[in-house]
Protein backbone atom coordinates (compact mmCIF):
# COMPACT_ATOMS: atom_id res chain seq x y z
CA MET A 1 -1.31 -5.50 -33.00
CA THR A 2 -2.13 -7.76 -29.70
CA ASN A 3 -3.80 -10.87 -29.62
CA THR A 4 -5.41 -10.89 -25.50
CA ARG A 5 -6.45 -14.00 -23.97
CA TYR A 6 -7.76 -14.47 -20.50
CA VAL A 7 -6.82 -17.26 -17.52
CA ASP A 8 -9.44 -17.50 -14.95
CA VAL A 9 -9.13 -20.56 -12.76
CA ASP A 10 -13.36 -20.36 -11.67
CA ALA A 11 -13.93 -20.47 -15.53
CA ASP A 12 -15.99 -23.19 -16.92
CA VAL A 13 -13.95 -25.93 -19.28
CA GLY A 14 -13.74 -25.33 -22.75
CA GLY A 15 -13.53 -21.68 -23.32
CA ASP A 16 -11.60 -19.79 -26.07
CA GLY A 17 -10.01 -17.34 -23.55
CA THR A 18 -11.90 -14.55 -25.61
CA THR A 19 -13.10 -12.87 -22.94
CA ASN A 20 -12.68 -13.02 -19.45
CA ALA A 21 -16.61 -13.98 -18.72
CA LEU A 22 -16.43 -17.42 -16.74
CA THR A 23 -19.18 -19.43 -18.16
CA GLY A 24 -19.66 -19.75 -22.21
CA ALA A 25 -17.72 -20.49 -25.22
CA ASN A 26 -15.79 -17.11 -25.21
CA CYS A 27 -15.24 -17.52 -21.46
CA ALA A 28 -11.18 -17.77 -19.58
CA TYR A 29 -9.01 -20.28 -20.08
CA LYS A 30 -9.41 -22.56 -16.81
CA SER A 31 -5.11 -22.24 -16.42
CA LEU A 32 -2.36 -20.57 -17.25
CA ASN A 33 -1.18 -24.07 -18.46
CA ILE A 34 -4.71 -24.74 -20.76
CA TRP A 35 -3.56 -21.35 -22.70
CA GLU A 36 0.20 -21.55 -22.99
CA ALA A 37 -0.65 -25.34 -25.11
CA ALA A 38 -3.92 -23.81 -27.00
CA ARG A 39 -1.64 -20.66 -28.14
CA GLN A 40 1.82 -21.96 -29.50
CA ALA A 41 1.71 -20.27 -32.70
CA VAL A 42 4.76 -18.59 -34.85
CA LEU A 43 3.86 -15.13 -33.40
CA SER A 44 2.64 -12.58 -36.03
CA ASP A 45 1.28 -10.25 -33.27
CA ILE A 46 1.87 -9.53 -29.16
CA GLU A 47 0.55 -12.45 -27.25
CA GLU A 48 -1.04 -11.12 -24.34
CA CYS A 49 -2.27 -13.46 -21.66
CA VAL A 50 -4.54 -11.74 -18.89
CA CYS A 51 -4.58 -13.69 -15.13
CA GLU A 52 -7.95 -12.34 -13.76
CA SER A 53 -9.69 -13.84 -10.47
CA ASN A 54 -13.32 -13.01 -11.21
CA GLY A 55 -14.90 -16.07 -9.48
CA GLY A 56 -16.09 -16.10 -5.96
CA SER A 57 -13.96 -18.58 -4.85
CA HIS A 58 -10.32 -17.25 -6.11
CA THR A 59 -9.34 -20.52 -6.88
CA ALA A 60 -5.69 -21.45 -7.17
CA ASP A 61 -4.09 -22.18 -10.55
CA THR A 62 -2.13 -25.19 -9.72
CA THR A 63 -0.48 -26.52 -13.29
CA SER A 64 2.74 -25.53 -13.51
CA VAL A 65 3.53 -24.05 -16.90
CA THR A 66 6.20 -24.16 -20.00
CA ILE A 67 6.57 -21.58 -22.05
CA ASN A 68 7.93 -23.75 -24.90
CA GLY A 69 6.80 -24.37 -28.52
CA TRP A 70 6.27 -20.33 -29.95
CA THR A 71 8.27 -18.68 -32.20
CA THR A 72 8.81 -15.16 -31.41
CA THR A 73 10.52 -11.82 -32.01
CA ALA A 74 11.41 -8.57 -30.24
CA ALA A 75 8.41 -7.29 -31.91
CA TYR A 76 6.26 -10.48 -31.57
CA TYR A 77 6.54 -11.07 -27.64
CA ILE A 78 4.50 -13.19 -24.97
CA ASN A 79 3.09 -10.77 -22.35
CA ILE A 80 1.83 -12.47 -19.40
CA HIS A 81 0.35 -10.24 -16.62
CA THR A 82 -2.58 -9.48 -14.33
CA SER A 83 -5.59 -7.71 -14.37
CA VAL A 84 -5.92 -4.14 -12.57
CA ALA A 85 -8.43 -6.23 -10.38
CA GLY A 86 -6.23 -9.41 -10.45
CA LYS A 87 -2.86 -8.64 -9.20
CA HIS A 88 -1.75 -8.47 -5.71
CA THR A 89 -1.09 -4.89 -3.68
CA GLY A 90 2.46 -6.14 -2.76
CA ILE A 91 1.14 -8.24 -0.19
CA TYR A 92 0.24 -12.05 -1.03
CA SER A 93 -3.15 -12.50 -1.28
CA ALA A 94 -5.75 -15.65 -1.98
CA THR A 95 -8.24 -13.51 -3.27
CA LYS A 96 -5.73 -12.32 -6.39
CA TYR A 97 -4.56 -14.78 -9.29
CA ARG A 98 -1.84 -16.84 -7.75
CA LEU A 99 -0.36 -19.98 -9.06
CA THR A 100 0.28 -22.54 -6.50
CA ILE A 101 2.42 -25.17 -7.28
CA VAL A 102 1.23 -28.66 -5.28
CA THR A 103 2.81 -30.92 -7.62
CA GLN A 104 6.41 -32.67 -6.72
CA ASP A 105 9.81 -31.10 -8.33
CA VAL A 106 8.08 -29.08 -11.08
CA ASN A 107 9.20 -25.39 -11.74
CA GLY A 108 5.93 -23.08 -11.64
CA ILE A 109 7.15 -21.59 -14.60
CA THR A 110 9.67 -22.24 -17.04
CA ILE A 111 10.50 -20.31 -19.57
CA VAL A 112 11.75 -21.51 -23.17
CA GLU A 113 11.02 -18.86 -25.50
CA PRO A 114 13.23 -15.52 -25.63
CA ASP A 115 10.78 -13.07 -25.43
CA VAL A 116 8.76 -13.12 -22.74
CA ILE A 117 7.54 -10.63 -20.14
CA ILE A 118 5.93 -12.16 -16.54
CA ASN A 119 4.53 -9.51 -14.85
CA GLY A 120 2.06 -9.02 -11.26
CA LEU A 121 1.80 -12.51 -10.97
CA GLN A 122 1.71 -14.94 -7.53
CA VAL A 123 3.74 -17.85 -7.51
CA TYR A 124 3.63 -20.01 -4.27
CA MET A 125 5.88 -23.35 -4.37
CA GLY A 126 3.69 -24.94 -1.86
CA ILE A 127 5.10 -28.04 -1.24
CA SER A 128 7.03 -30.04 0.69
CA PRO A 129 9.76 -31.56 0.85
CA ILE A 130 11.38 -30.58 -3.00
CA LEU A 131 13.45 -33.59 -4.10
CA VAL A 132 15.45 -31.79 -7.02
CA GLU A 133 15.79 -28.68 -7.82
CA CYS A 134 12.84 -26.46 -9.18
CA SER A 135 12.21 -23.07 -8.89
CA GLY A 136 9.11 -20.48 -9.01
CA ILE A 137 10.30 -19.07 -12.14
CA ALA A 138 13.10 -20.52 -13.81
CA ILE A 139 14.55 -19.75 -17.57
CA THR A 140 16.43 -22.15 -19.40
CA CYS A 141 16.41 -20.39 -22.77
CA ALA A 142 19.27 -21.24 -25.38
CA ASP A 143 18.07 -18.87 -27.96
CA ALA A 144 20.35 -15.92 -29.40
CA ASN A 145 18.96 -12.45 -28.45
CA ILE A 146 17.11 -13.50 -25.60
CA ASP A 147 15.01 -10.22 -24.00
CA ILE A 148 13.08 -11.67 -20.75
CA LYS A 149 11.48 -9.22 -18.75
CA ILE A 150 10.28 -9.93 -15.01
CA CYS A 151 8.56 -7.69 -12.72
CA ASN A 152 6.47 -6.67 -9.66
CA ASN A 153 6.06 -10.55 -8.73
CA ILE A 154 5.59 -12.45 -5.04
CA ILE A 155 7.32 -15.61 -5.13
CA ARG A 156 7.05 -17.32 -2.23
CA GLY A 157 8.65 -20.36 -0.92
CA VAL A 158 7.95 -22.96 1.59
CA ALA A 159 10.34 -22.31 4.83
CA SER A 160 10.86 -25.28 5.90
CA ASN A 161 12.09 -26.93 2.92
CA THR A 162 15.38 -28.11 3.20
CA ASN A 163 16.17 -30.06 -0.22
CA TYR A 164 16.83 -27.74 -3.13
CA LEU A 165 14.06 -25.28 -3.63
CA SER A 166 15.44 -21.79 -5.71
CA GLY A 167 13.82 -19.13 -5.08
CA ILE A 168 11.84 -16.84 -7.83
CA PHE A 169 14.57 -17.19 -10.73
CA ASP A 170 16.51 -20.01 -11.27
CA MET A 171 18.42 -19.01 -14.10
CA TRP A 172 20.30 -21.69 -16.19
CA LEU A 173 20.31 -19.80 -19.24
CA SER A 174 22.84 -20.95 -22.53
CA GLY A 175 21.76 -18.32 -24.69
CA SER A 176 22.38 -14.84 -25.44
CA GLY A 177 21.13 -11.34 -24.83
CA THR A 178 19.02 -9.75 -22.08
CA CYS A 179 17.62 -10.45 -19.16
CA ARG A 180 15.89 -7.65 -16.63
CA VAL A 181 14.53 -8.41 -13.03
CA TRP A 182 12.98 -5.49 -11.39
CA ASN A 183 9.77 -4.99 -8.35
CA ASN A 184 9.92 -8.56 -7.22
CA ILE A 185 9.59 -9.46 -3.67
CA VAL A 186 10.53 -13.10 -3.11
CA TYR A 187 10.82 -14.66 0.48
CA GLY A 188 10.83 -18.10 1.97
CA PHE A 189 13.36 -20.17 -0.05
CA SER A 190 15.59 -20.49 3.09
CA ALA A 191 17.37 -23.71 1.51
CA THR A 192 18.98 -22.02 -1.42
CA ARG A 193 18.70 -18.68 -3.21
CA GLY A 194 16.20 -16.06 -3.38
CA LEU A 195 17.34 -14.81 -6.90
CA GLY A 196 19.91 -17.21 -8.63
CA ILE A 197 22.10 -16.46 -11.66
CA ASP A 198 23.84 -19.75 -12.61
CA PHE A 199 25.85 -20.82 -15.65
CA SER A 200 24.69 -17.94 -17.72
CA VAL A 201 26.35 -15.93 -20.46
CA LEU A 202 23.42 -13.41 -20.45
CA ASN A 203 23.54 -9.64 -19.29
CA SER A 204 21.40 -10.00 -16.27
CA TYR A 205 19.86 -6.07 -14.77
CA LEU A 206 18.62 -6.73 -11.49
CA TYR A 207 16.84 -3.80 -10.49
CA ASN A 208 14.40 -2.71 -6.93
CA ASN A 209 14.18 -6.07 -5.82
CA THR A 210 13.45 -7.55 -2.15
CA VAL A 211 14.58 -11.19 -1.32
CA VAL A 212 14.38 -11.89 2.45
CA ASN A 213 14.25 -15.08 4.56
CA CYS A 214 16.23 -17.27 1.93
CA GLY A 215 19.37 -19.15 1.56
CA TYR A 216 21.27 -17.16 -0.43
CA GLY A 217 19.28 -13.64 -1.19
CA ILE A 218 21.03 -13.05 -4.92
CA ALA A 219 23.02 -15.28 -5.81
CA GLN A 220 25.30 -14.83 -8.83
CA GLU A 221 27.34 -17.86 -10.32
CA GLY A 222 28.05 -16.64 -14.28
CA GLY A 223 27.36 -13.90 -16.99
CA THR A 224 27.44 -10.27 -16.44
CA CYS A 225 25.08 -9.37 -13.55
CA ILE A 226 24.14 -5.23 -12.50
CA ALA A 227 22.42 -5.11 -9.09
CA ILE A 228 21.35 -1.79 -8.44
CA ASN A 229 18.63 -0.49 -6.00
CA ASN A 230 17.86 -4.15 -4.15
CA LEU A 231 17.24 -4.90 -0.99
CA SER A 232 18.89 -8.40 0.13
CA TYR A 233 18.11 -8.75 3.65
CA ASP A 234 18.27 -11.63 6.66
CA ASN A 235 19.13 -14.68 4.26
CA THR A 236 20.39 -17.04 6.45
CA THR A 237 22.79 -19.68 5.12
CA THR A 238 26.07 -17.18 4.06
CA PHE A 239 25.30 -14.04 2.45
CA ASP A 240 22.76 -11.20 1.44
CA PHE A 241 24.48 -11.17 -1.91
CA SER A 242 27.07 -13.66 -3.55
CA GLY A 243 29.07 -13.55 -6.64
CA THR A 244 30.53 -10.96 -8.81
CA PHE A 245 28.44 -7.93 -9.59
CA THR A 246 29.31 -5.21 -12.01
CA THR A 247 29.00 -1.63 -12.04
CA SER A 248 26.41 -2.64 -9.39
CA ASN A 249 25.47 0.19 -6.16
CA TYR A 250 22.87 1.63 -3.94
CA ASN A 251 21.71 -2.12 -2.80
CA PHE A 252 20.97 -2.68 1.13
CA SER A 253 21.72 -5.95 2.92
CA LYS A 254 22.23 -6.92 6.72
CA ASP A 255 25.31 -8.08 6.14
CA ASP A 256 28.23 -6.19 4.45
CA SER A 257 27.73 -8.24 0.99
CA ALA A 258 25.75 -5.67 -0.88
CA PRO A 259 27.83 -4.54 -4.38
CA GLY A 260 28.74 -0.85 -4.92
CA ALA A 261 29.98 2.39 -2.75
CA ASN A 262 26.52 4.00 -1.80
CA SER A 263 25.32 0.56 -0.34
CA ILE A 264 23.87 -0.12 3.17
CA TYR A 265 25.02 -2.47 5.69
CA GLY A 266 22.75 -3.10 7.74
CA ASP A 267 24.28 -4.37 10.73
CA THR A 268 27.15 -2.14 10.23
CA ASP A 269 25.46 1.18 10.08
CA GLY A 270 22.94 0.33 12.25
CA LYS A 271 20.14 0.63 9.55
CA THR A 272 17.49 -1.78 9.21
CA PRO A 273 13.88 -2.30 6.25
CA ASP A 274 11.47 -1.99 8.82
CA PHE A 275 8.76 -3.74 6.88
CA VAL A 276 4.97 -4.03 7.77
CA ALA A 277 3.65 -6.42 9.14
CA GLY A 278 2.24 -9.69 7.19
CA GLY A 279 5.02 -8.73 4.25
CA TYR A 280 7.78 -7.42 2.57
CA LEU A 281 6.62 -3.59 2.02
CA ILE A 282 8.21 -1.19 3.93
CA GLU A 283 7.20 1.26 7.08
CA SER A 284 7.38 4.85 7.23
CA THR A 285 10.47 4.62 9.19
CA SER A 286 12.78 2.42 6.58
CA ASP A 287 15.89 3.33 5.85
CA ALA A 288 15.85 1.93 2.44
CA ILE A 289 13.27 4.93 2.31
CA ASN A 290 15.24 7.69 -0.74
CA ALA A 291 18.51 5.35 -0.36
CA GLY A 292 18.45 4.56 -3.67
CA THR A 293 19.53 6.22 -7.25
CA ASP A 294 17.29 7.61 -9.70
CA ASN A 295 16.01 5.37 -12.76
CA PRO A 296 18.76 2.71 -12.94
CA GLY A 297 17.24 0.84 -15.99
CA SER A 298 17.03 4.19 -18.35
CA GLY A 299 13.27 4.10 -18.94
CA LEU A 300 12.51 0.87 -17.83
CA TYR A 301 10.16 1.30 -15.71
CA ASN A 302 9.14 4.01 -12.69
CA ASN A 303 6.52 2.26 -10.70
CA SER A 304 7.39 0.07 -7.55
CA ILE A 305 5.41 -3.05 -7.48
CA THR A 306 2.18 -1.74 -6.15
CA ASP A 307 1.95 0.67 -8.96
CA LYS A 308 3.43 3.71 -6.97
CA LEU A 309 5.34 6.09 -9.14
CA ARG A 310 9.15 6.44 -7.93
CA THR A 311 9.60 10.02 -6.88
CA THR A 312 13.33 11.21 -6.55
CA PRO A 313 15.35 10.30 -4.95
CA TRP A 314 14.18 6.06 -5.52
CA ASP A 315 13.49 4.02 -2.45
CA ILE A 316 15.81 0.64 -2.59
CA GLY A 317 13.63 -2.50 -2.82
CA ALA A 318 10.37 -3.31 -4.35
CA ASP A 319 8.15 -0.57 -2.52
CA GLU A 320 8.41 2.72 -2.66
CA TYR A 321 6.80 4.46 0.43
CA ARG A 322 5.04 7.48 -1.46
CA LYS A 323 1.16 8.12 -1.65
CA LYS A 324 0.87 9.04 -4.97
CA TYR A 325 -0.13 6.22 -7.49
CA SER A 326 0.46 6.01 -10.95
CA PHE A 327 -0.28 3.06 -12.99
CA CYS A 328 2.44 2.62 -15.49
CA THR A 329 3.07 0.42 -18.40
CA ILE A 330 6.28 -1.69 -19.60
CA ILE A 331 7.85 0.09 -22.36
């Protein structure tokens, strides 16, 4: 079974989260942090948290959240996602659910529990300067048998930040298991990594992510990391990809760092991703189209960040330049 609760920042204080209403005793929780604190438990069902933005103000959620104090299993896990109406369309939107961090030196979301899905959120690390290292989504789980999934999110940084601000994933992990990361767009973390794997002993699988205008794009510094169909482009400090990637292929970088014999090197190959104005979805002229490999996650997903059905051959990066839509469910 599934226990479903709702979050909407425009809801009244004091609701129990059992509906997505904005008023009344059963209205949505007023923040993701309030949901987490109220619902910590030994799970005997799936815990589903649906993030909405139904109020006319579309107020941002501004309180960081740490997912800790739960007992989860592979069968009874935490699933945090937006509703269809509350999800972005692949470009950051102030009318959809968003977690905007305005407190100094905290992560947006810190995951301490081993069985968690984060799907379809927007996280904006909107404060500068940062004095200590923090991330949009930080995984600090030390459990055995980790099974964490991060997908379909947009994570933004403050482009002018010159201190330690890591991007979407700063994985300082001592646990064991797997972390699967796909269909995310990460940008604006100019000082350091857009997507980083640090001191990890996990098996990390990175599929169809787009990382742009960061310091390092995708940086691997520990554990086993497989990167397939990732678009890491125009990251300014050193490399679009750095580290050791196992059995990785079909990636796209501006420099010559993308791992794999079938990867694209923009400067060398004379190819560009051609992003749409105002975001990092791809234009019809993009060289990422039809340049990936099909089904790298072996059935994990078949959609893009905008819920377009991926068709053969898959595009590189989080977007898929196709017109046919299919709303897909995580397996």
